[in-house]
């Protein structure tokens, strides 16, 4: 089992920045592909970004490229999402997810059912 706990969400004005974190406990963090998804009110949960086991490779959904940065610290069992130039349409609950290490290198890294463990989510609200 892996427990994931997100933190750092909040209210920010459009154009601002925010960093959310996800702390993991349980099975070795360094063996998991990590990802962030988000779910806006009335919408389905969607993929945002993922990072490889080693942290040397990342992927992003087009809508956040150049604005969001995912990173991980395997020594601290933590994955981060740095969000900049935030827009009102970024408003959502942001979820951290962990999946098997090989997921990153498949065509399924952006699918919800590719991930075995989920955090409870943290709310990010961007005001216009």
N, C-alpha and C. Protein backbone atom coordinates (compact mmCIF):
# COMPACT_ATOMS: atom_id res chain seq x y z
N UNK A 1 0.82 -1.20 0.00
CA UNK A 1 0.00 0.00 0.00
C UNK A 1 0.85 1.25 0.00
N UNK A 2 0.33 2.28 -0.62
CA UNK A 2 0.98 3.59 -0.64
C UNK A 2 -0.06 4.63 -0.23
N UNK A 3 0.30 5.48 0.67
CA UNK A 3 -0.57 6.57 1.07
C UNK A 3 -0.02 7.87 0.49
N UNK A 4 -0.90 8.64 -0.13
CA UNK A 4 -0.51 9.90 -0.75
C UNK A 4 -1.30 11.04 -0.12
N UNK A 5 -0.60 12.08 0.28
CA UNK A 5 -1.25 13.22 0.92
C UNK A 5 -0.81 14.50 0.22
N UNK A 6 -1.77 15.17 -0.41
CA UNK A 6 -1.48 16.43 -1.08
C UNK A 6 -1.59 17.60 -0.12
N UNK A 7 -0.87 18.66 -0.44
CA UNK A 7 -0.94 19.90 0.34
C UNK A 7 -0.53 21.06 -0.55
N UNK A 8 -0.86 22.27 -0.08
CA UNK A 8 -0.39 23.46 -0.77
C UNK A 8 -1.40 24.14 -1.66
N UNK A 9 -2.59 23.59 -1.78
CA UNK A 9 -3.61 24.24 -2.59
C UNK A 9 -4.08 25.54 -1.94
N UNK A 10 -4.86 26.30 -2.70
CA UNK A 10 -5.38 27.54 -2.16
C UNK A 10 -5.96 28.42 -3.24
N UNK A 11 -6.15 29.68 -2.86
CA UNK A 11 -6.73 30.68 -3.76
C UNK A 11 -5.62 31.59 -4.26
N UNK A 12 -5.58 31.81 -5.57
CA UNK A 12 -4.56 32.66 -6.17
C UNK A 12 -5.19 33.45 -7.31
N UNK A 13 -4.67 34.63 -7.55
CA UNK A 13 -5.18 35.44 -8.65
C UNK A 13 -4.62 34.96 -9.98
N UNK A 14 -5.36 35.22 -11.03
CA UNK A 14 -4.90 34.87 -12.37
C UNK A 14 -3.52 35.51 -12.61
N UNK A 15 -2.65 34.72 -13.20
CA UNK A 15 -1.28 35.17 -13.45
C UNK A 15 -0.32 34.83 -12.33
N UNK A 16 -0.86 34.38 -11.22
CA UNK A 16 -0.03 34.05 -10.07
C UNK A 16 0.54 32.65 -10.14
N UNK A 17 1.22 32.29 -9.06
CA UNK A 17 1.88 30.99 -8.98
C UNK A 17 1.49 30.28 -7.70
N UNK A 18 1.62 28.97 -7.74
CA UNK A 18 1.30 28.14 -6.58
C UNK A 18 2.05 26.82 -6.73
N UNK A 19 2.50 26.27 -5.61
CA UNK A 19 3.13 24.96 -5.64
C UNK A 19 2.35 24.01 -4.74
N UNK A 20 1.97 22.88 -5.29
CA UNK A 20 1.34 21.84 -4.51
C UNK A 20 2.30 20.67 -4.36
N UNK A 21 2.17 19.98 -3.25
CA UNK A 21 3.07 18.87 -2.94
C UNK A 21 2.26 17.62 -2.65
N UNK A 22 2.93 16.48 -2.81
CA UNK A 22 2.30 15.20 -2.51
C UNK A 22 3.34 14.34 -1.79
N UNK A 23 3.07 14.04 -0.54
CA UNK A 23 3.98 13.23 0.26
C UNK A 23 3.49 11.79 0.26
N UNK A 24 4.40 10.87 0.03
CA UNK A 24 4.06 9.45 -0.05
C UNK A 24 4.65 8.68 1.12
N UNK A 25 3.93 7.66 1.52
CA UNK A 25 4.43 6.76 2.56
C UNK A 25 4.00 5.34 2.20
N UNK A 26 4.70 4.37 2.73
CA UNK A 26 4.38 2.99 2.43
C UNK A 26 5.47 2.37 1.58
N UNK A 27 5.09 1.83 0.45
CA UNK A 27 6.05 1.16 -0.42
C UNK A 27 7.06 2.15 -1.00
N UNK A 28 8.23 1.67 -1.43
CA UNK A 28 9.28 2.57 -1.92
C UNK A 28 8.80 3.53 -2.99
N UNK A 29 8.87 4.80 -2.64
CA UNK A 29 8.41 5.87 -3.53
C UNK A 29 9.15 5.85 -4.85
N UNK A 30 10.43 5.54 -4.80
CA UNK A 30 11.26 5.63 -6.00
C UNK A 30 10.93 4.58 -7.05
N UNK A 31 10.03 3.67 -6.76
CA UNK A 31 9.67 2.65 -7.75
C UNK A 31 8.41 3.02 -8.53
N UNK A 32 7.83 4.16 -8.22
CA UNK A 32 6.56 4.54 -8.84
C UNK A 32 6.70 5.67 -9.85
N UNK A 33 5.99 5.53 -10.95
CA UNK A 33 5.70 6.68 -11.79
C UNK A 33 4.69 7.53 -11.03
N UNK A 34 4.92 8.84 -10.99
CA UNK A 34 4.01 9.74 -10.29
C UNK A 34 3.33 10.67 -11.29
N UNK A 35 2.13 11.08 -10.96
CA UNK A 35 1.38 11.95 -11.87
C UNK A 35 0.47 12.87 -11.08
N UNK A 36 0.05 13.92 -11.75
CA UNK A 36 -0.98 14.82 -11.24
C UNK A 36 -2.15 14.80 -12.23
N UNK A 37 -3.32 14.69 -11.68
CA UNK A 37 -4.56 14.84 -12.42
C UNK A 37 -5.34 15.98 -11.78
N UNK A 38 -6.36 16.45 -12.46
CA UNK A 38 -7.24 17.47 -11.87
C UNK A 38 -8.67 17.25 -12.31
N UNK A 39 -9.57 17.75 -11.47
CA UNK A 39 -10.99 17.62 -11.76
C UNK A 39 -11.69 18.93 -11.45
N UNK A 40 -12.20 19.57 -12.48
CA UNK A 40 -12.94 20.80 -12.32
C UNK A 40 -14.41 20.48 -12.05
N UNK A 41 -15.15 21.40 -11.45
CA UNK A 41 -16.56 21.15 -11.15
C UNK A 41 -17.34 20.76 -12.40
N UNK A 42 -18.05 19.67 -12.31
CA UNK A 42 -18.90 19.22 -13.41
C UNK A 42 -18.15 18.56 -14.56
N UNK A 43 -16.86 18.35 -14.38
CA UNK A 43 -16.05 17.74 -15.45
C UNK A 43 -15.39 16.46 -14.96
N UNK A 44 -14.93 15.68 -15.92
CA UNK A 44 -14.23 14.45 -15.58
C UNK A 44 -12.80 14.76 -15.13
N UNK A 45 -12.24 13.85 -14.35
CA UNK A 45 -10.85 13.99 -13.94
C UNK A 45 -9.95 13.85 -15.17
N UNK A 46 -8.98 14.75 -15.28
CA UNK A 46 -8.11 14.73 -16.46
C UNK A 46 -6.64 14.72 -16.08
N UNK A 47 -5.86 14.14 -16.97
CA UNK A 47 -4.41 14.08 -16.79
C UNK A 47 -3.80 15.46 -16.93
N UNK A 48 -2.81 15.75 -16.09
CA UNK A 48 -2.09 17.01 -16.17
C UNK A 48 -0.62 16.78 -16.53
N UNK A 49 0.06 15.92 -15.75
CA UNK A 49 1.48 15.72 -15.97
C UNK A 49 1.93 14.46 -15.28
N UNK A 50 3.06 13.92 -15.75
CA UNK A 50 3.64 12.74 -15.13
C UNK A 50 5.16 12.84 -15.15
N UNK A 51 5.79 12.10 -14.26
CA UNK A 51 7.24 12.13 -14.15
C UNK A 51 7.75 10.71 -13.98
N UNK A 52 8.88 10.42 -14.62
CA UNK A 52 9.44 9.09 -14.56
C UNK A 52 9.99 8.77 -13.17
N UNK A 53 10.31 7.52 -12.97
CA UNK A 53 10.81 7.05 -11.68
C UNK A 53 12.04 7.84 -11.23
N UNK A 54 12.95 8.05 -12.15
CA UNK A 54 14.19 8.76 -11.81
C UNK A 54 14.01 10.26 -11.75
N UNK A 55 12.94 10.76 -12.35
CA UNK A 55 12.70 12.19 -12.38
C UNK A 55 13.34 12.91 -13.54
N UNK A 56 13.97 12.17 -14.45
CA UNK A 56 14.69 12.83 -15.53
C UNK A 56 13.85 13.04 -16.78
N UNK A 57 12.59 12.63 -16.73
CA UNK A 57 11.72 12.78 -17.89
C UNK A 57 10.31 13.09 -17.44
N UNK A 58 9.68 14.01 -18.17
CA UNK A 58 8.34 14.45 -17.81
C UNK A 58 7.46 14.59 -19.05
N UNK A 59 6.15 14.55 -18.83
CA UNK A 59 5.19 14.76 -19.90
C UNK A 59 4.08 15.66 -19.34
N UNK A 60 3.50 16.46 -20.25
CA UNK A 60 2.45 17.39 -19.85
C UNK A 60 1.31 17.40 -20.85
N UNK A 61 0.13 17.69 -20.34
CA UNK A 61 -0.98 17.96 -21.25
C UNK A 61 -0.70 19.31 -21.91
N UNK A 62 -1.15 19.48 -23.14
CA UNK A 62 -0.80 20.69 -23.90
C UNK A 62 -1.22 21.98 -23.18
N UNK A 63 -2.33 21.95 -22.49
CA UNK A 63 -2.87 23.18 -21.89
C UNK A 63 -2.00 23.75 -20.77
N UNK A 64 -1.06 22.96 -20.23
CA UNK A 64 -0.22 23.45 -19.13
C UNK A 64 1.26 23.53 -19.51
N UNK A 65 1.60 23.11 -20.71
CA UNK A 65 3.01 23.15 -21.12
C UNK A 65 3.56 24.56 -21.05
N UNK A 66 4.74 24.68 -20.47
CA UNK A 66 5.36 25.98 -20.34
C UNK A 66 4.91 26.75 -19.11
N UNK A 67 3.88 26.27 -18.44
CA UNK A 67 3.37 26.94 -17.24
C UNK A 67 3.54 26.10 -15.98
N UNK A 68 3.40 24.80 -16.12
CA UNK A 68 3.49 23.89 -14.97
C UNK A 68 4.79 23.08 -15.06
N UNK A 69 5.33 22.76 -13.89
CA UNK A 69 6.52 21.92 -13.82
C UNK A 69 6.35 20.88 -12.73
N UNK A 70 6.49 19.62 -13.10
CA UNK A 70 6.45 18.53 -12.13
C UNK A 70 7.89 18.17 -11.76
N UNK A 71 8.10 17.83 -10.50
CA UNK A 71 9.41 17.39 -10.05
C UNK A 71 9.20 16.42 -8.89
N UNK A 72 10.25 15.70 -8.57
CA UNK A 72 10.16 14.76 -7.46
C UNK A 72 11.47 14.75 -6.69
N UNK A 73 11.36 14.44 -5.41
CA UNK A 73 12.52 14.27 -4.55
C UNK A 73 12.38 12.89 -3.92
N UNK A 74 13.08 11.93 -4.47
CA UNK A 74 12.93 10.56 -4.00
C UNK A 74 13.44 10.38 -2.57
N UNK A 75 14.37 11.22 -2.16
CA UNK A 75 14.87 11.14 -0.78
C UNK A 75 13.81 11.60 0.22
N UNK A 76 12.93 12.48 -0.23
CA UNK A 76 11.87 13.00 0.64
C UNK A 76 10.52 12.36 0.36
N UNK A 77 10.49 11.41 -0.57
CA UNK A 77 9.23 10.74 -0.92
C UNK A 77 8.13 11.74 -1.29
N UNK A 78 8.51 12.74 -2.06
CA UNK A 78 7.58 13.82 -2.38
C UNK A 78 7.64 14.17 -3.86
N UNK A 79 6.48 14.45 -4.41
CA UNK A 79 6.38 14.97 -5.77
C UNK A 79 5.74 16.35 -5.70
N UNK A 80 6.19 17.23 -6.56
CA UNK A 80 5.73 18.61 -6.54
C UNK A 80 5.11 18.99 -7.88
N UNK A 81 4.23 19.96 -7.83
CA UNK A 81 3.70 20.57 -9.04
C UNK A 81 3.78 22.08 -8.86
N UNK A 82 4.70 22.68 -9.59
CA UNK A 82 4.84 24.13 -9.59
C UNK A 82 3.98 24.70 -10.71
N UNK A 83 3.05 25.56 -10.36
CA UNK A 83 2.12 26.12 -11.34
C UNK A 83 2.35 27.63 -11.44
N UNK A 84 2.55 28.10 -12.65
CA UNK A 84 2.78 29.53 -12.89
C UNK A 84 1.82 30.02 -13.95
N UNK A 85 1.72 31.33 -14.06
CA UNK A 85 0.81 31.94 -15.05
C UNK A 85 -0.56 31.29 -14.99
N UNK A 86 -1.06 31.14 -13.80
CA UNK A 86 -2.32 30.43 -13.60
C UNK A 86 -3.49 31.16 -14.23
N UNK A 87 -4.44 30.39 -14.72
CA UNK A 87 -5.63 30.90 -15.37
C UNK A 87 -6.86 30.42 -14.62
N UNK A 88 -7.97 31.13 -14.74
CA UNK A 88 -9.19 30.66 -14.06
C UNK A 88 -9.56 29.24 -14.46
N UNK A 89 -9.26 28.86 -15.69
CA UNK A 89 -9.60 27.50 -16.13
C UNK A 89 -8.72 26.42 -15.50
N UNK A 90 -7.71 26.82 -14.75
CA UNK A 90 -6.90 25.85 -13.99
C UNK A 90 -7.57 25.49 -12.66
N UNK A 91 -8.65 26.17 -12.33
CA UNK A 91 -9.36 25.88 -11.09
C UNK A 91 -9.87 24.46 -11.09
N UNK A 92 -9.50 23.71 -10.05
CA UNK A 92 -9.86 22.30 -9.97
C UNK A 92 -9.35 21.73 -8.66
N UNK A 93 -9.77 20.51 -8.38
CA UNK A 93 -9.14 19.73 -7.33
C UNK A 93 -8.00 18.97 -8.00
N UNK A 94 -6.82 19.10 -7.44
CA UNK A 94 -5.63 18.45 -7.99
C UNK A 94 -5.31 17.20 -7.19
N UNK A 95 -5.17 16.09 -7.93
CA UNK A 95 -4.92 14.80 -7.31
C UNK A 95 -3.54 14.27 -7.70
N UNK A 96 -2.87 13.73 -6.72
CA UNK A 96 -1.61 13.04 -6.92
C UNK A 96 -1.91 11.55 -7.13
N UNK A 97 -1.16 10.90 -8.02
CA UNK A 97 -1.38 9.49 -8.29
C UNK A 97 -0.05 8.77 -8.44
N UNK A 98 -0.03 7.50 -8.05
CA UNK A 98 1.16 6.67 -8.17
C UNK A 98 0.82 5.39 -8.92
N UNK A 99 1.72 5.02 -9.83
CA UNK A 99 1.51 3.80 -10.59
C UNK A 99 2.81 3.05 -10.80
N UNK A 100 2.71 1.88 -11.36
CA UNK A 100 3.89 1.06 -11.61
C UNK A 100 4.93 1.85 -12.40
N UNK A 101 6.19 1.58 -12.12
CA UNK A 101 7.26 2.36 -12.73
C UNK A 101 7.25 2.38 -14.24
N UNK A 102 6.81 1.29 -14.86
CA UNK A 102 6.86 1.21 -16.30
C UNK A 102 5.78 2.00 -17.02
N UNK A 103 4.80 2.47 -16.28
CA UNK A 103 3.70 3.19 -16.91
C UNK A 103 4.18 4.36 -17.75
N UNK A 104 5.19 5.05 -17.25
CA UNK A 104 5.65 6.26 -17.92
C UNK A 104 6.01 5.99 -19.37
N UNK A 105 6.51 4.79 -19.67
CA UNK A 105 7.03 4.48 -21.00
C UNK A 105 6.00 3.79 -21.89
N UNK A 106 4.76 3.77 -21.44
CA UNK A 106 3.70 3.19 -22.25
C UNK A 106 2.81 4.30 -22.79
N UNK A 107 1.85 3.92 -23.58
CA UNK A 107 0.90 4.90 -24.09
C UNK A 107 -0.25 5.14 -23.14
N UNK A 108 -0.15 4.61 -21.93
CA UNK A 108 -1.26 4.68 -20.98
C UNK A 108 -0.98 5.60 -19.79
N UNK A 109 0.08 6.38 -19.86
CA UNK A 109 0.46 7.19 -18.71
C UNK A 109 -0.56 8.27 -18.38
N UNK A 110 -1.46 8.56 -19.31
CA UNK A 110 -2.43 9.62 -19.07
C UNK A 110 -3.83 9.07 -18.72
N UNK A 111 -3.90 7.78 -18.46
CA UNK A 111 -5.18 7.16 -18.13
C UNK A 111 -5.34 6.97 -16.64
N UNK A 112 -6.53 7.27 -16.13
CA UNK A 112 -6.78 7.14 -14.70
C UNK A 112 -6.53 5.72 -14.21
N UNK A 113 -6.98 4.74 -14.95
CA UNK A 113 -6.88 3.36 -14.46
C UNK A 113 -5.47 2.79 -14.58
N UNK A 114 -4.51 3.59 -15.03
CA UNK A 114 -3.11 3.15 -15.03
C UNK A 114 -2.47 3.34 -13.66
N UNK A 115 -3.15 4.07 -12.79
CA UNK A 115 -2.57 4.42 -11.49
C UNK A 115 -3.29 3.68 -10.37
N UNK A 116 -2.50 3.16 -9.45
CA UNK A 116 -3.04 2.30 -8.40
C UNK A 116 -3.39 3.04 -7.12
N UNK A 117 -2.73 4.16 -6.90
CA UNK A 117 -2.90 4.87 -5.63
C UNK A 117 -3.19 6.34 -5.90
N UNK A 118 -4.09 6.90 -5.08
CA UNK A 118 -4.52 8.27 -5.25
C UNK A 118 -4.55 9.00 -3.91
N UNK A 119 -4.25 10.28 -3.97
CA UNK A 119 -4.42 11.11 -2.79
C UNK A 119 -5.86 11.60 -2.70
N UNK A 120 -6.12 12.38 -1.66
CA UNK A 120 -7.48 12.86 -1.43
C UNK A 120 -7.78 14.14 -2.20
N UNK A 121 -6.75 14.77 -2.74
CA UNK A 121 -6.93 15.96 -3.55
C UNK A 121 -6.74 17.24 -2.77
N UNK A 122 -6.33 18.28 -3.48
CA UNK A 122 -6.19 19.61 -2.89
C UNK A 122 -6.80 20.63 -3.85
N UNK A 123 -7.58 21.55 -3.30
CA UNK A 123 -8.30 22.51 -4.13
C UNK A 123 -7.39 23.65 -4.55
N UNK A 124 -7.41 23.95 -5.83
CA UNK A 124 -6.72 25.12 -6.37
C UNK A 124 -7.78 25.99 -7.05
N UNK A 125 -7.88 27.22 -6.60
CA UNK A 125 -8.85 28.15 -7.16
C UNK A 125 -8.13 29.37 -7.69
N UNK A 126 -8.37 29.68 -8.96
CA UNK A 126 -7.74 30.82 -9.59
C UNK A 126 -8.82 31.86 -9.90
N UNK A 127 -8.69 33.02 -9.28
CA UNK A 127 -9.68 34.08 -9.48
C UNK A 127 -9.27 34.98 -10.63
N UNK A 128 -10.27 35.50 -11.33
CA UNK A 128 -9.99 36.36 -12.49
C UNK A 128 -9.87 37.83 -12.08
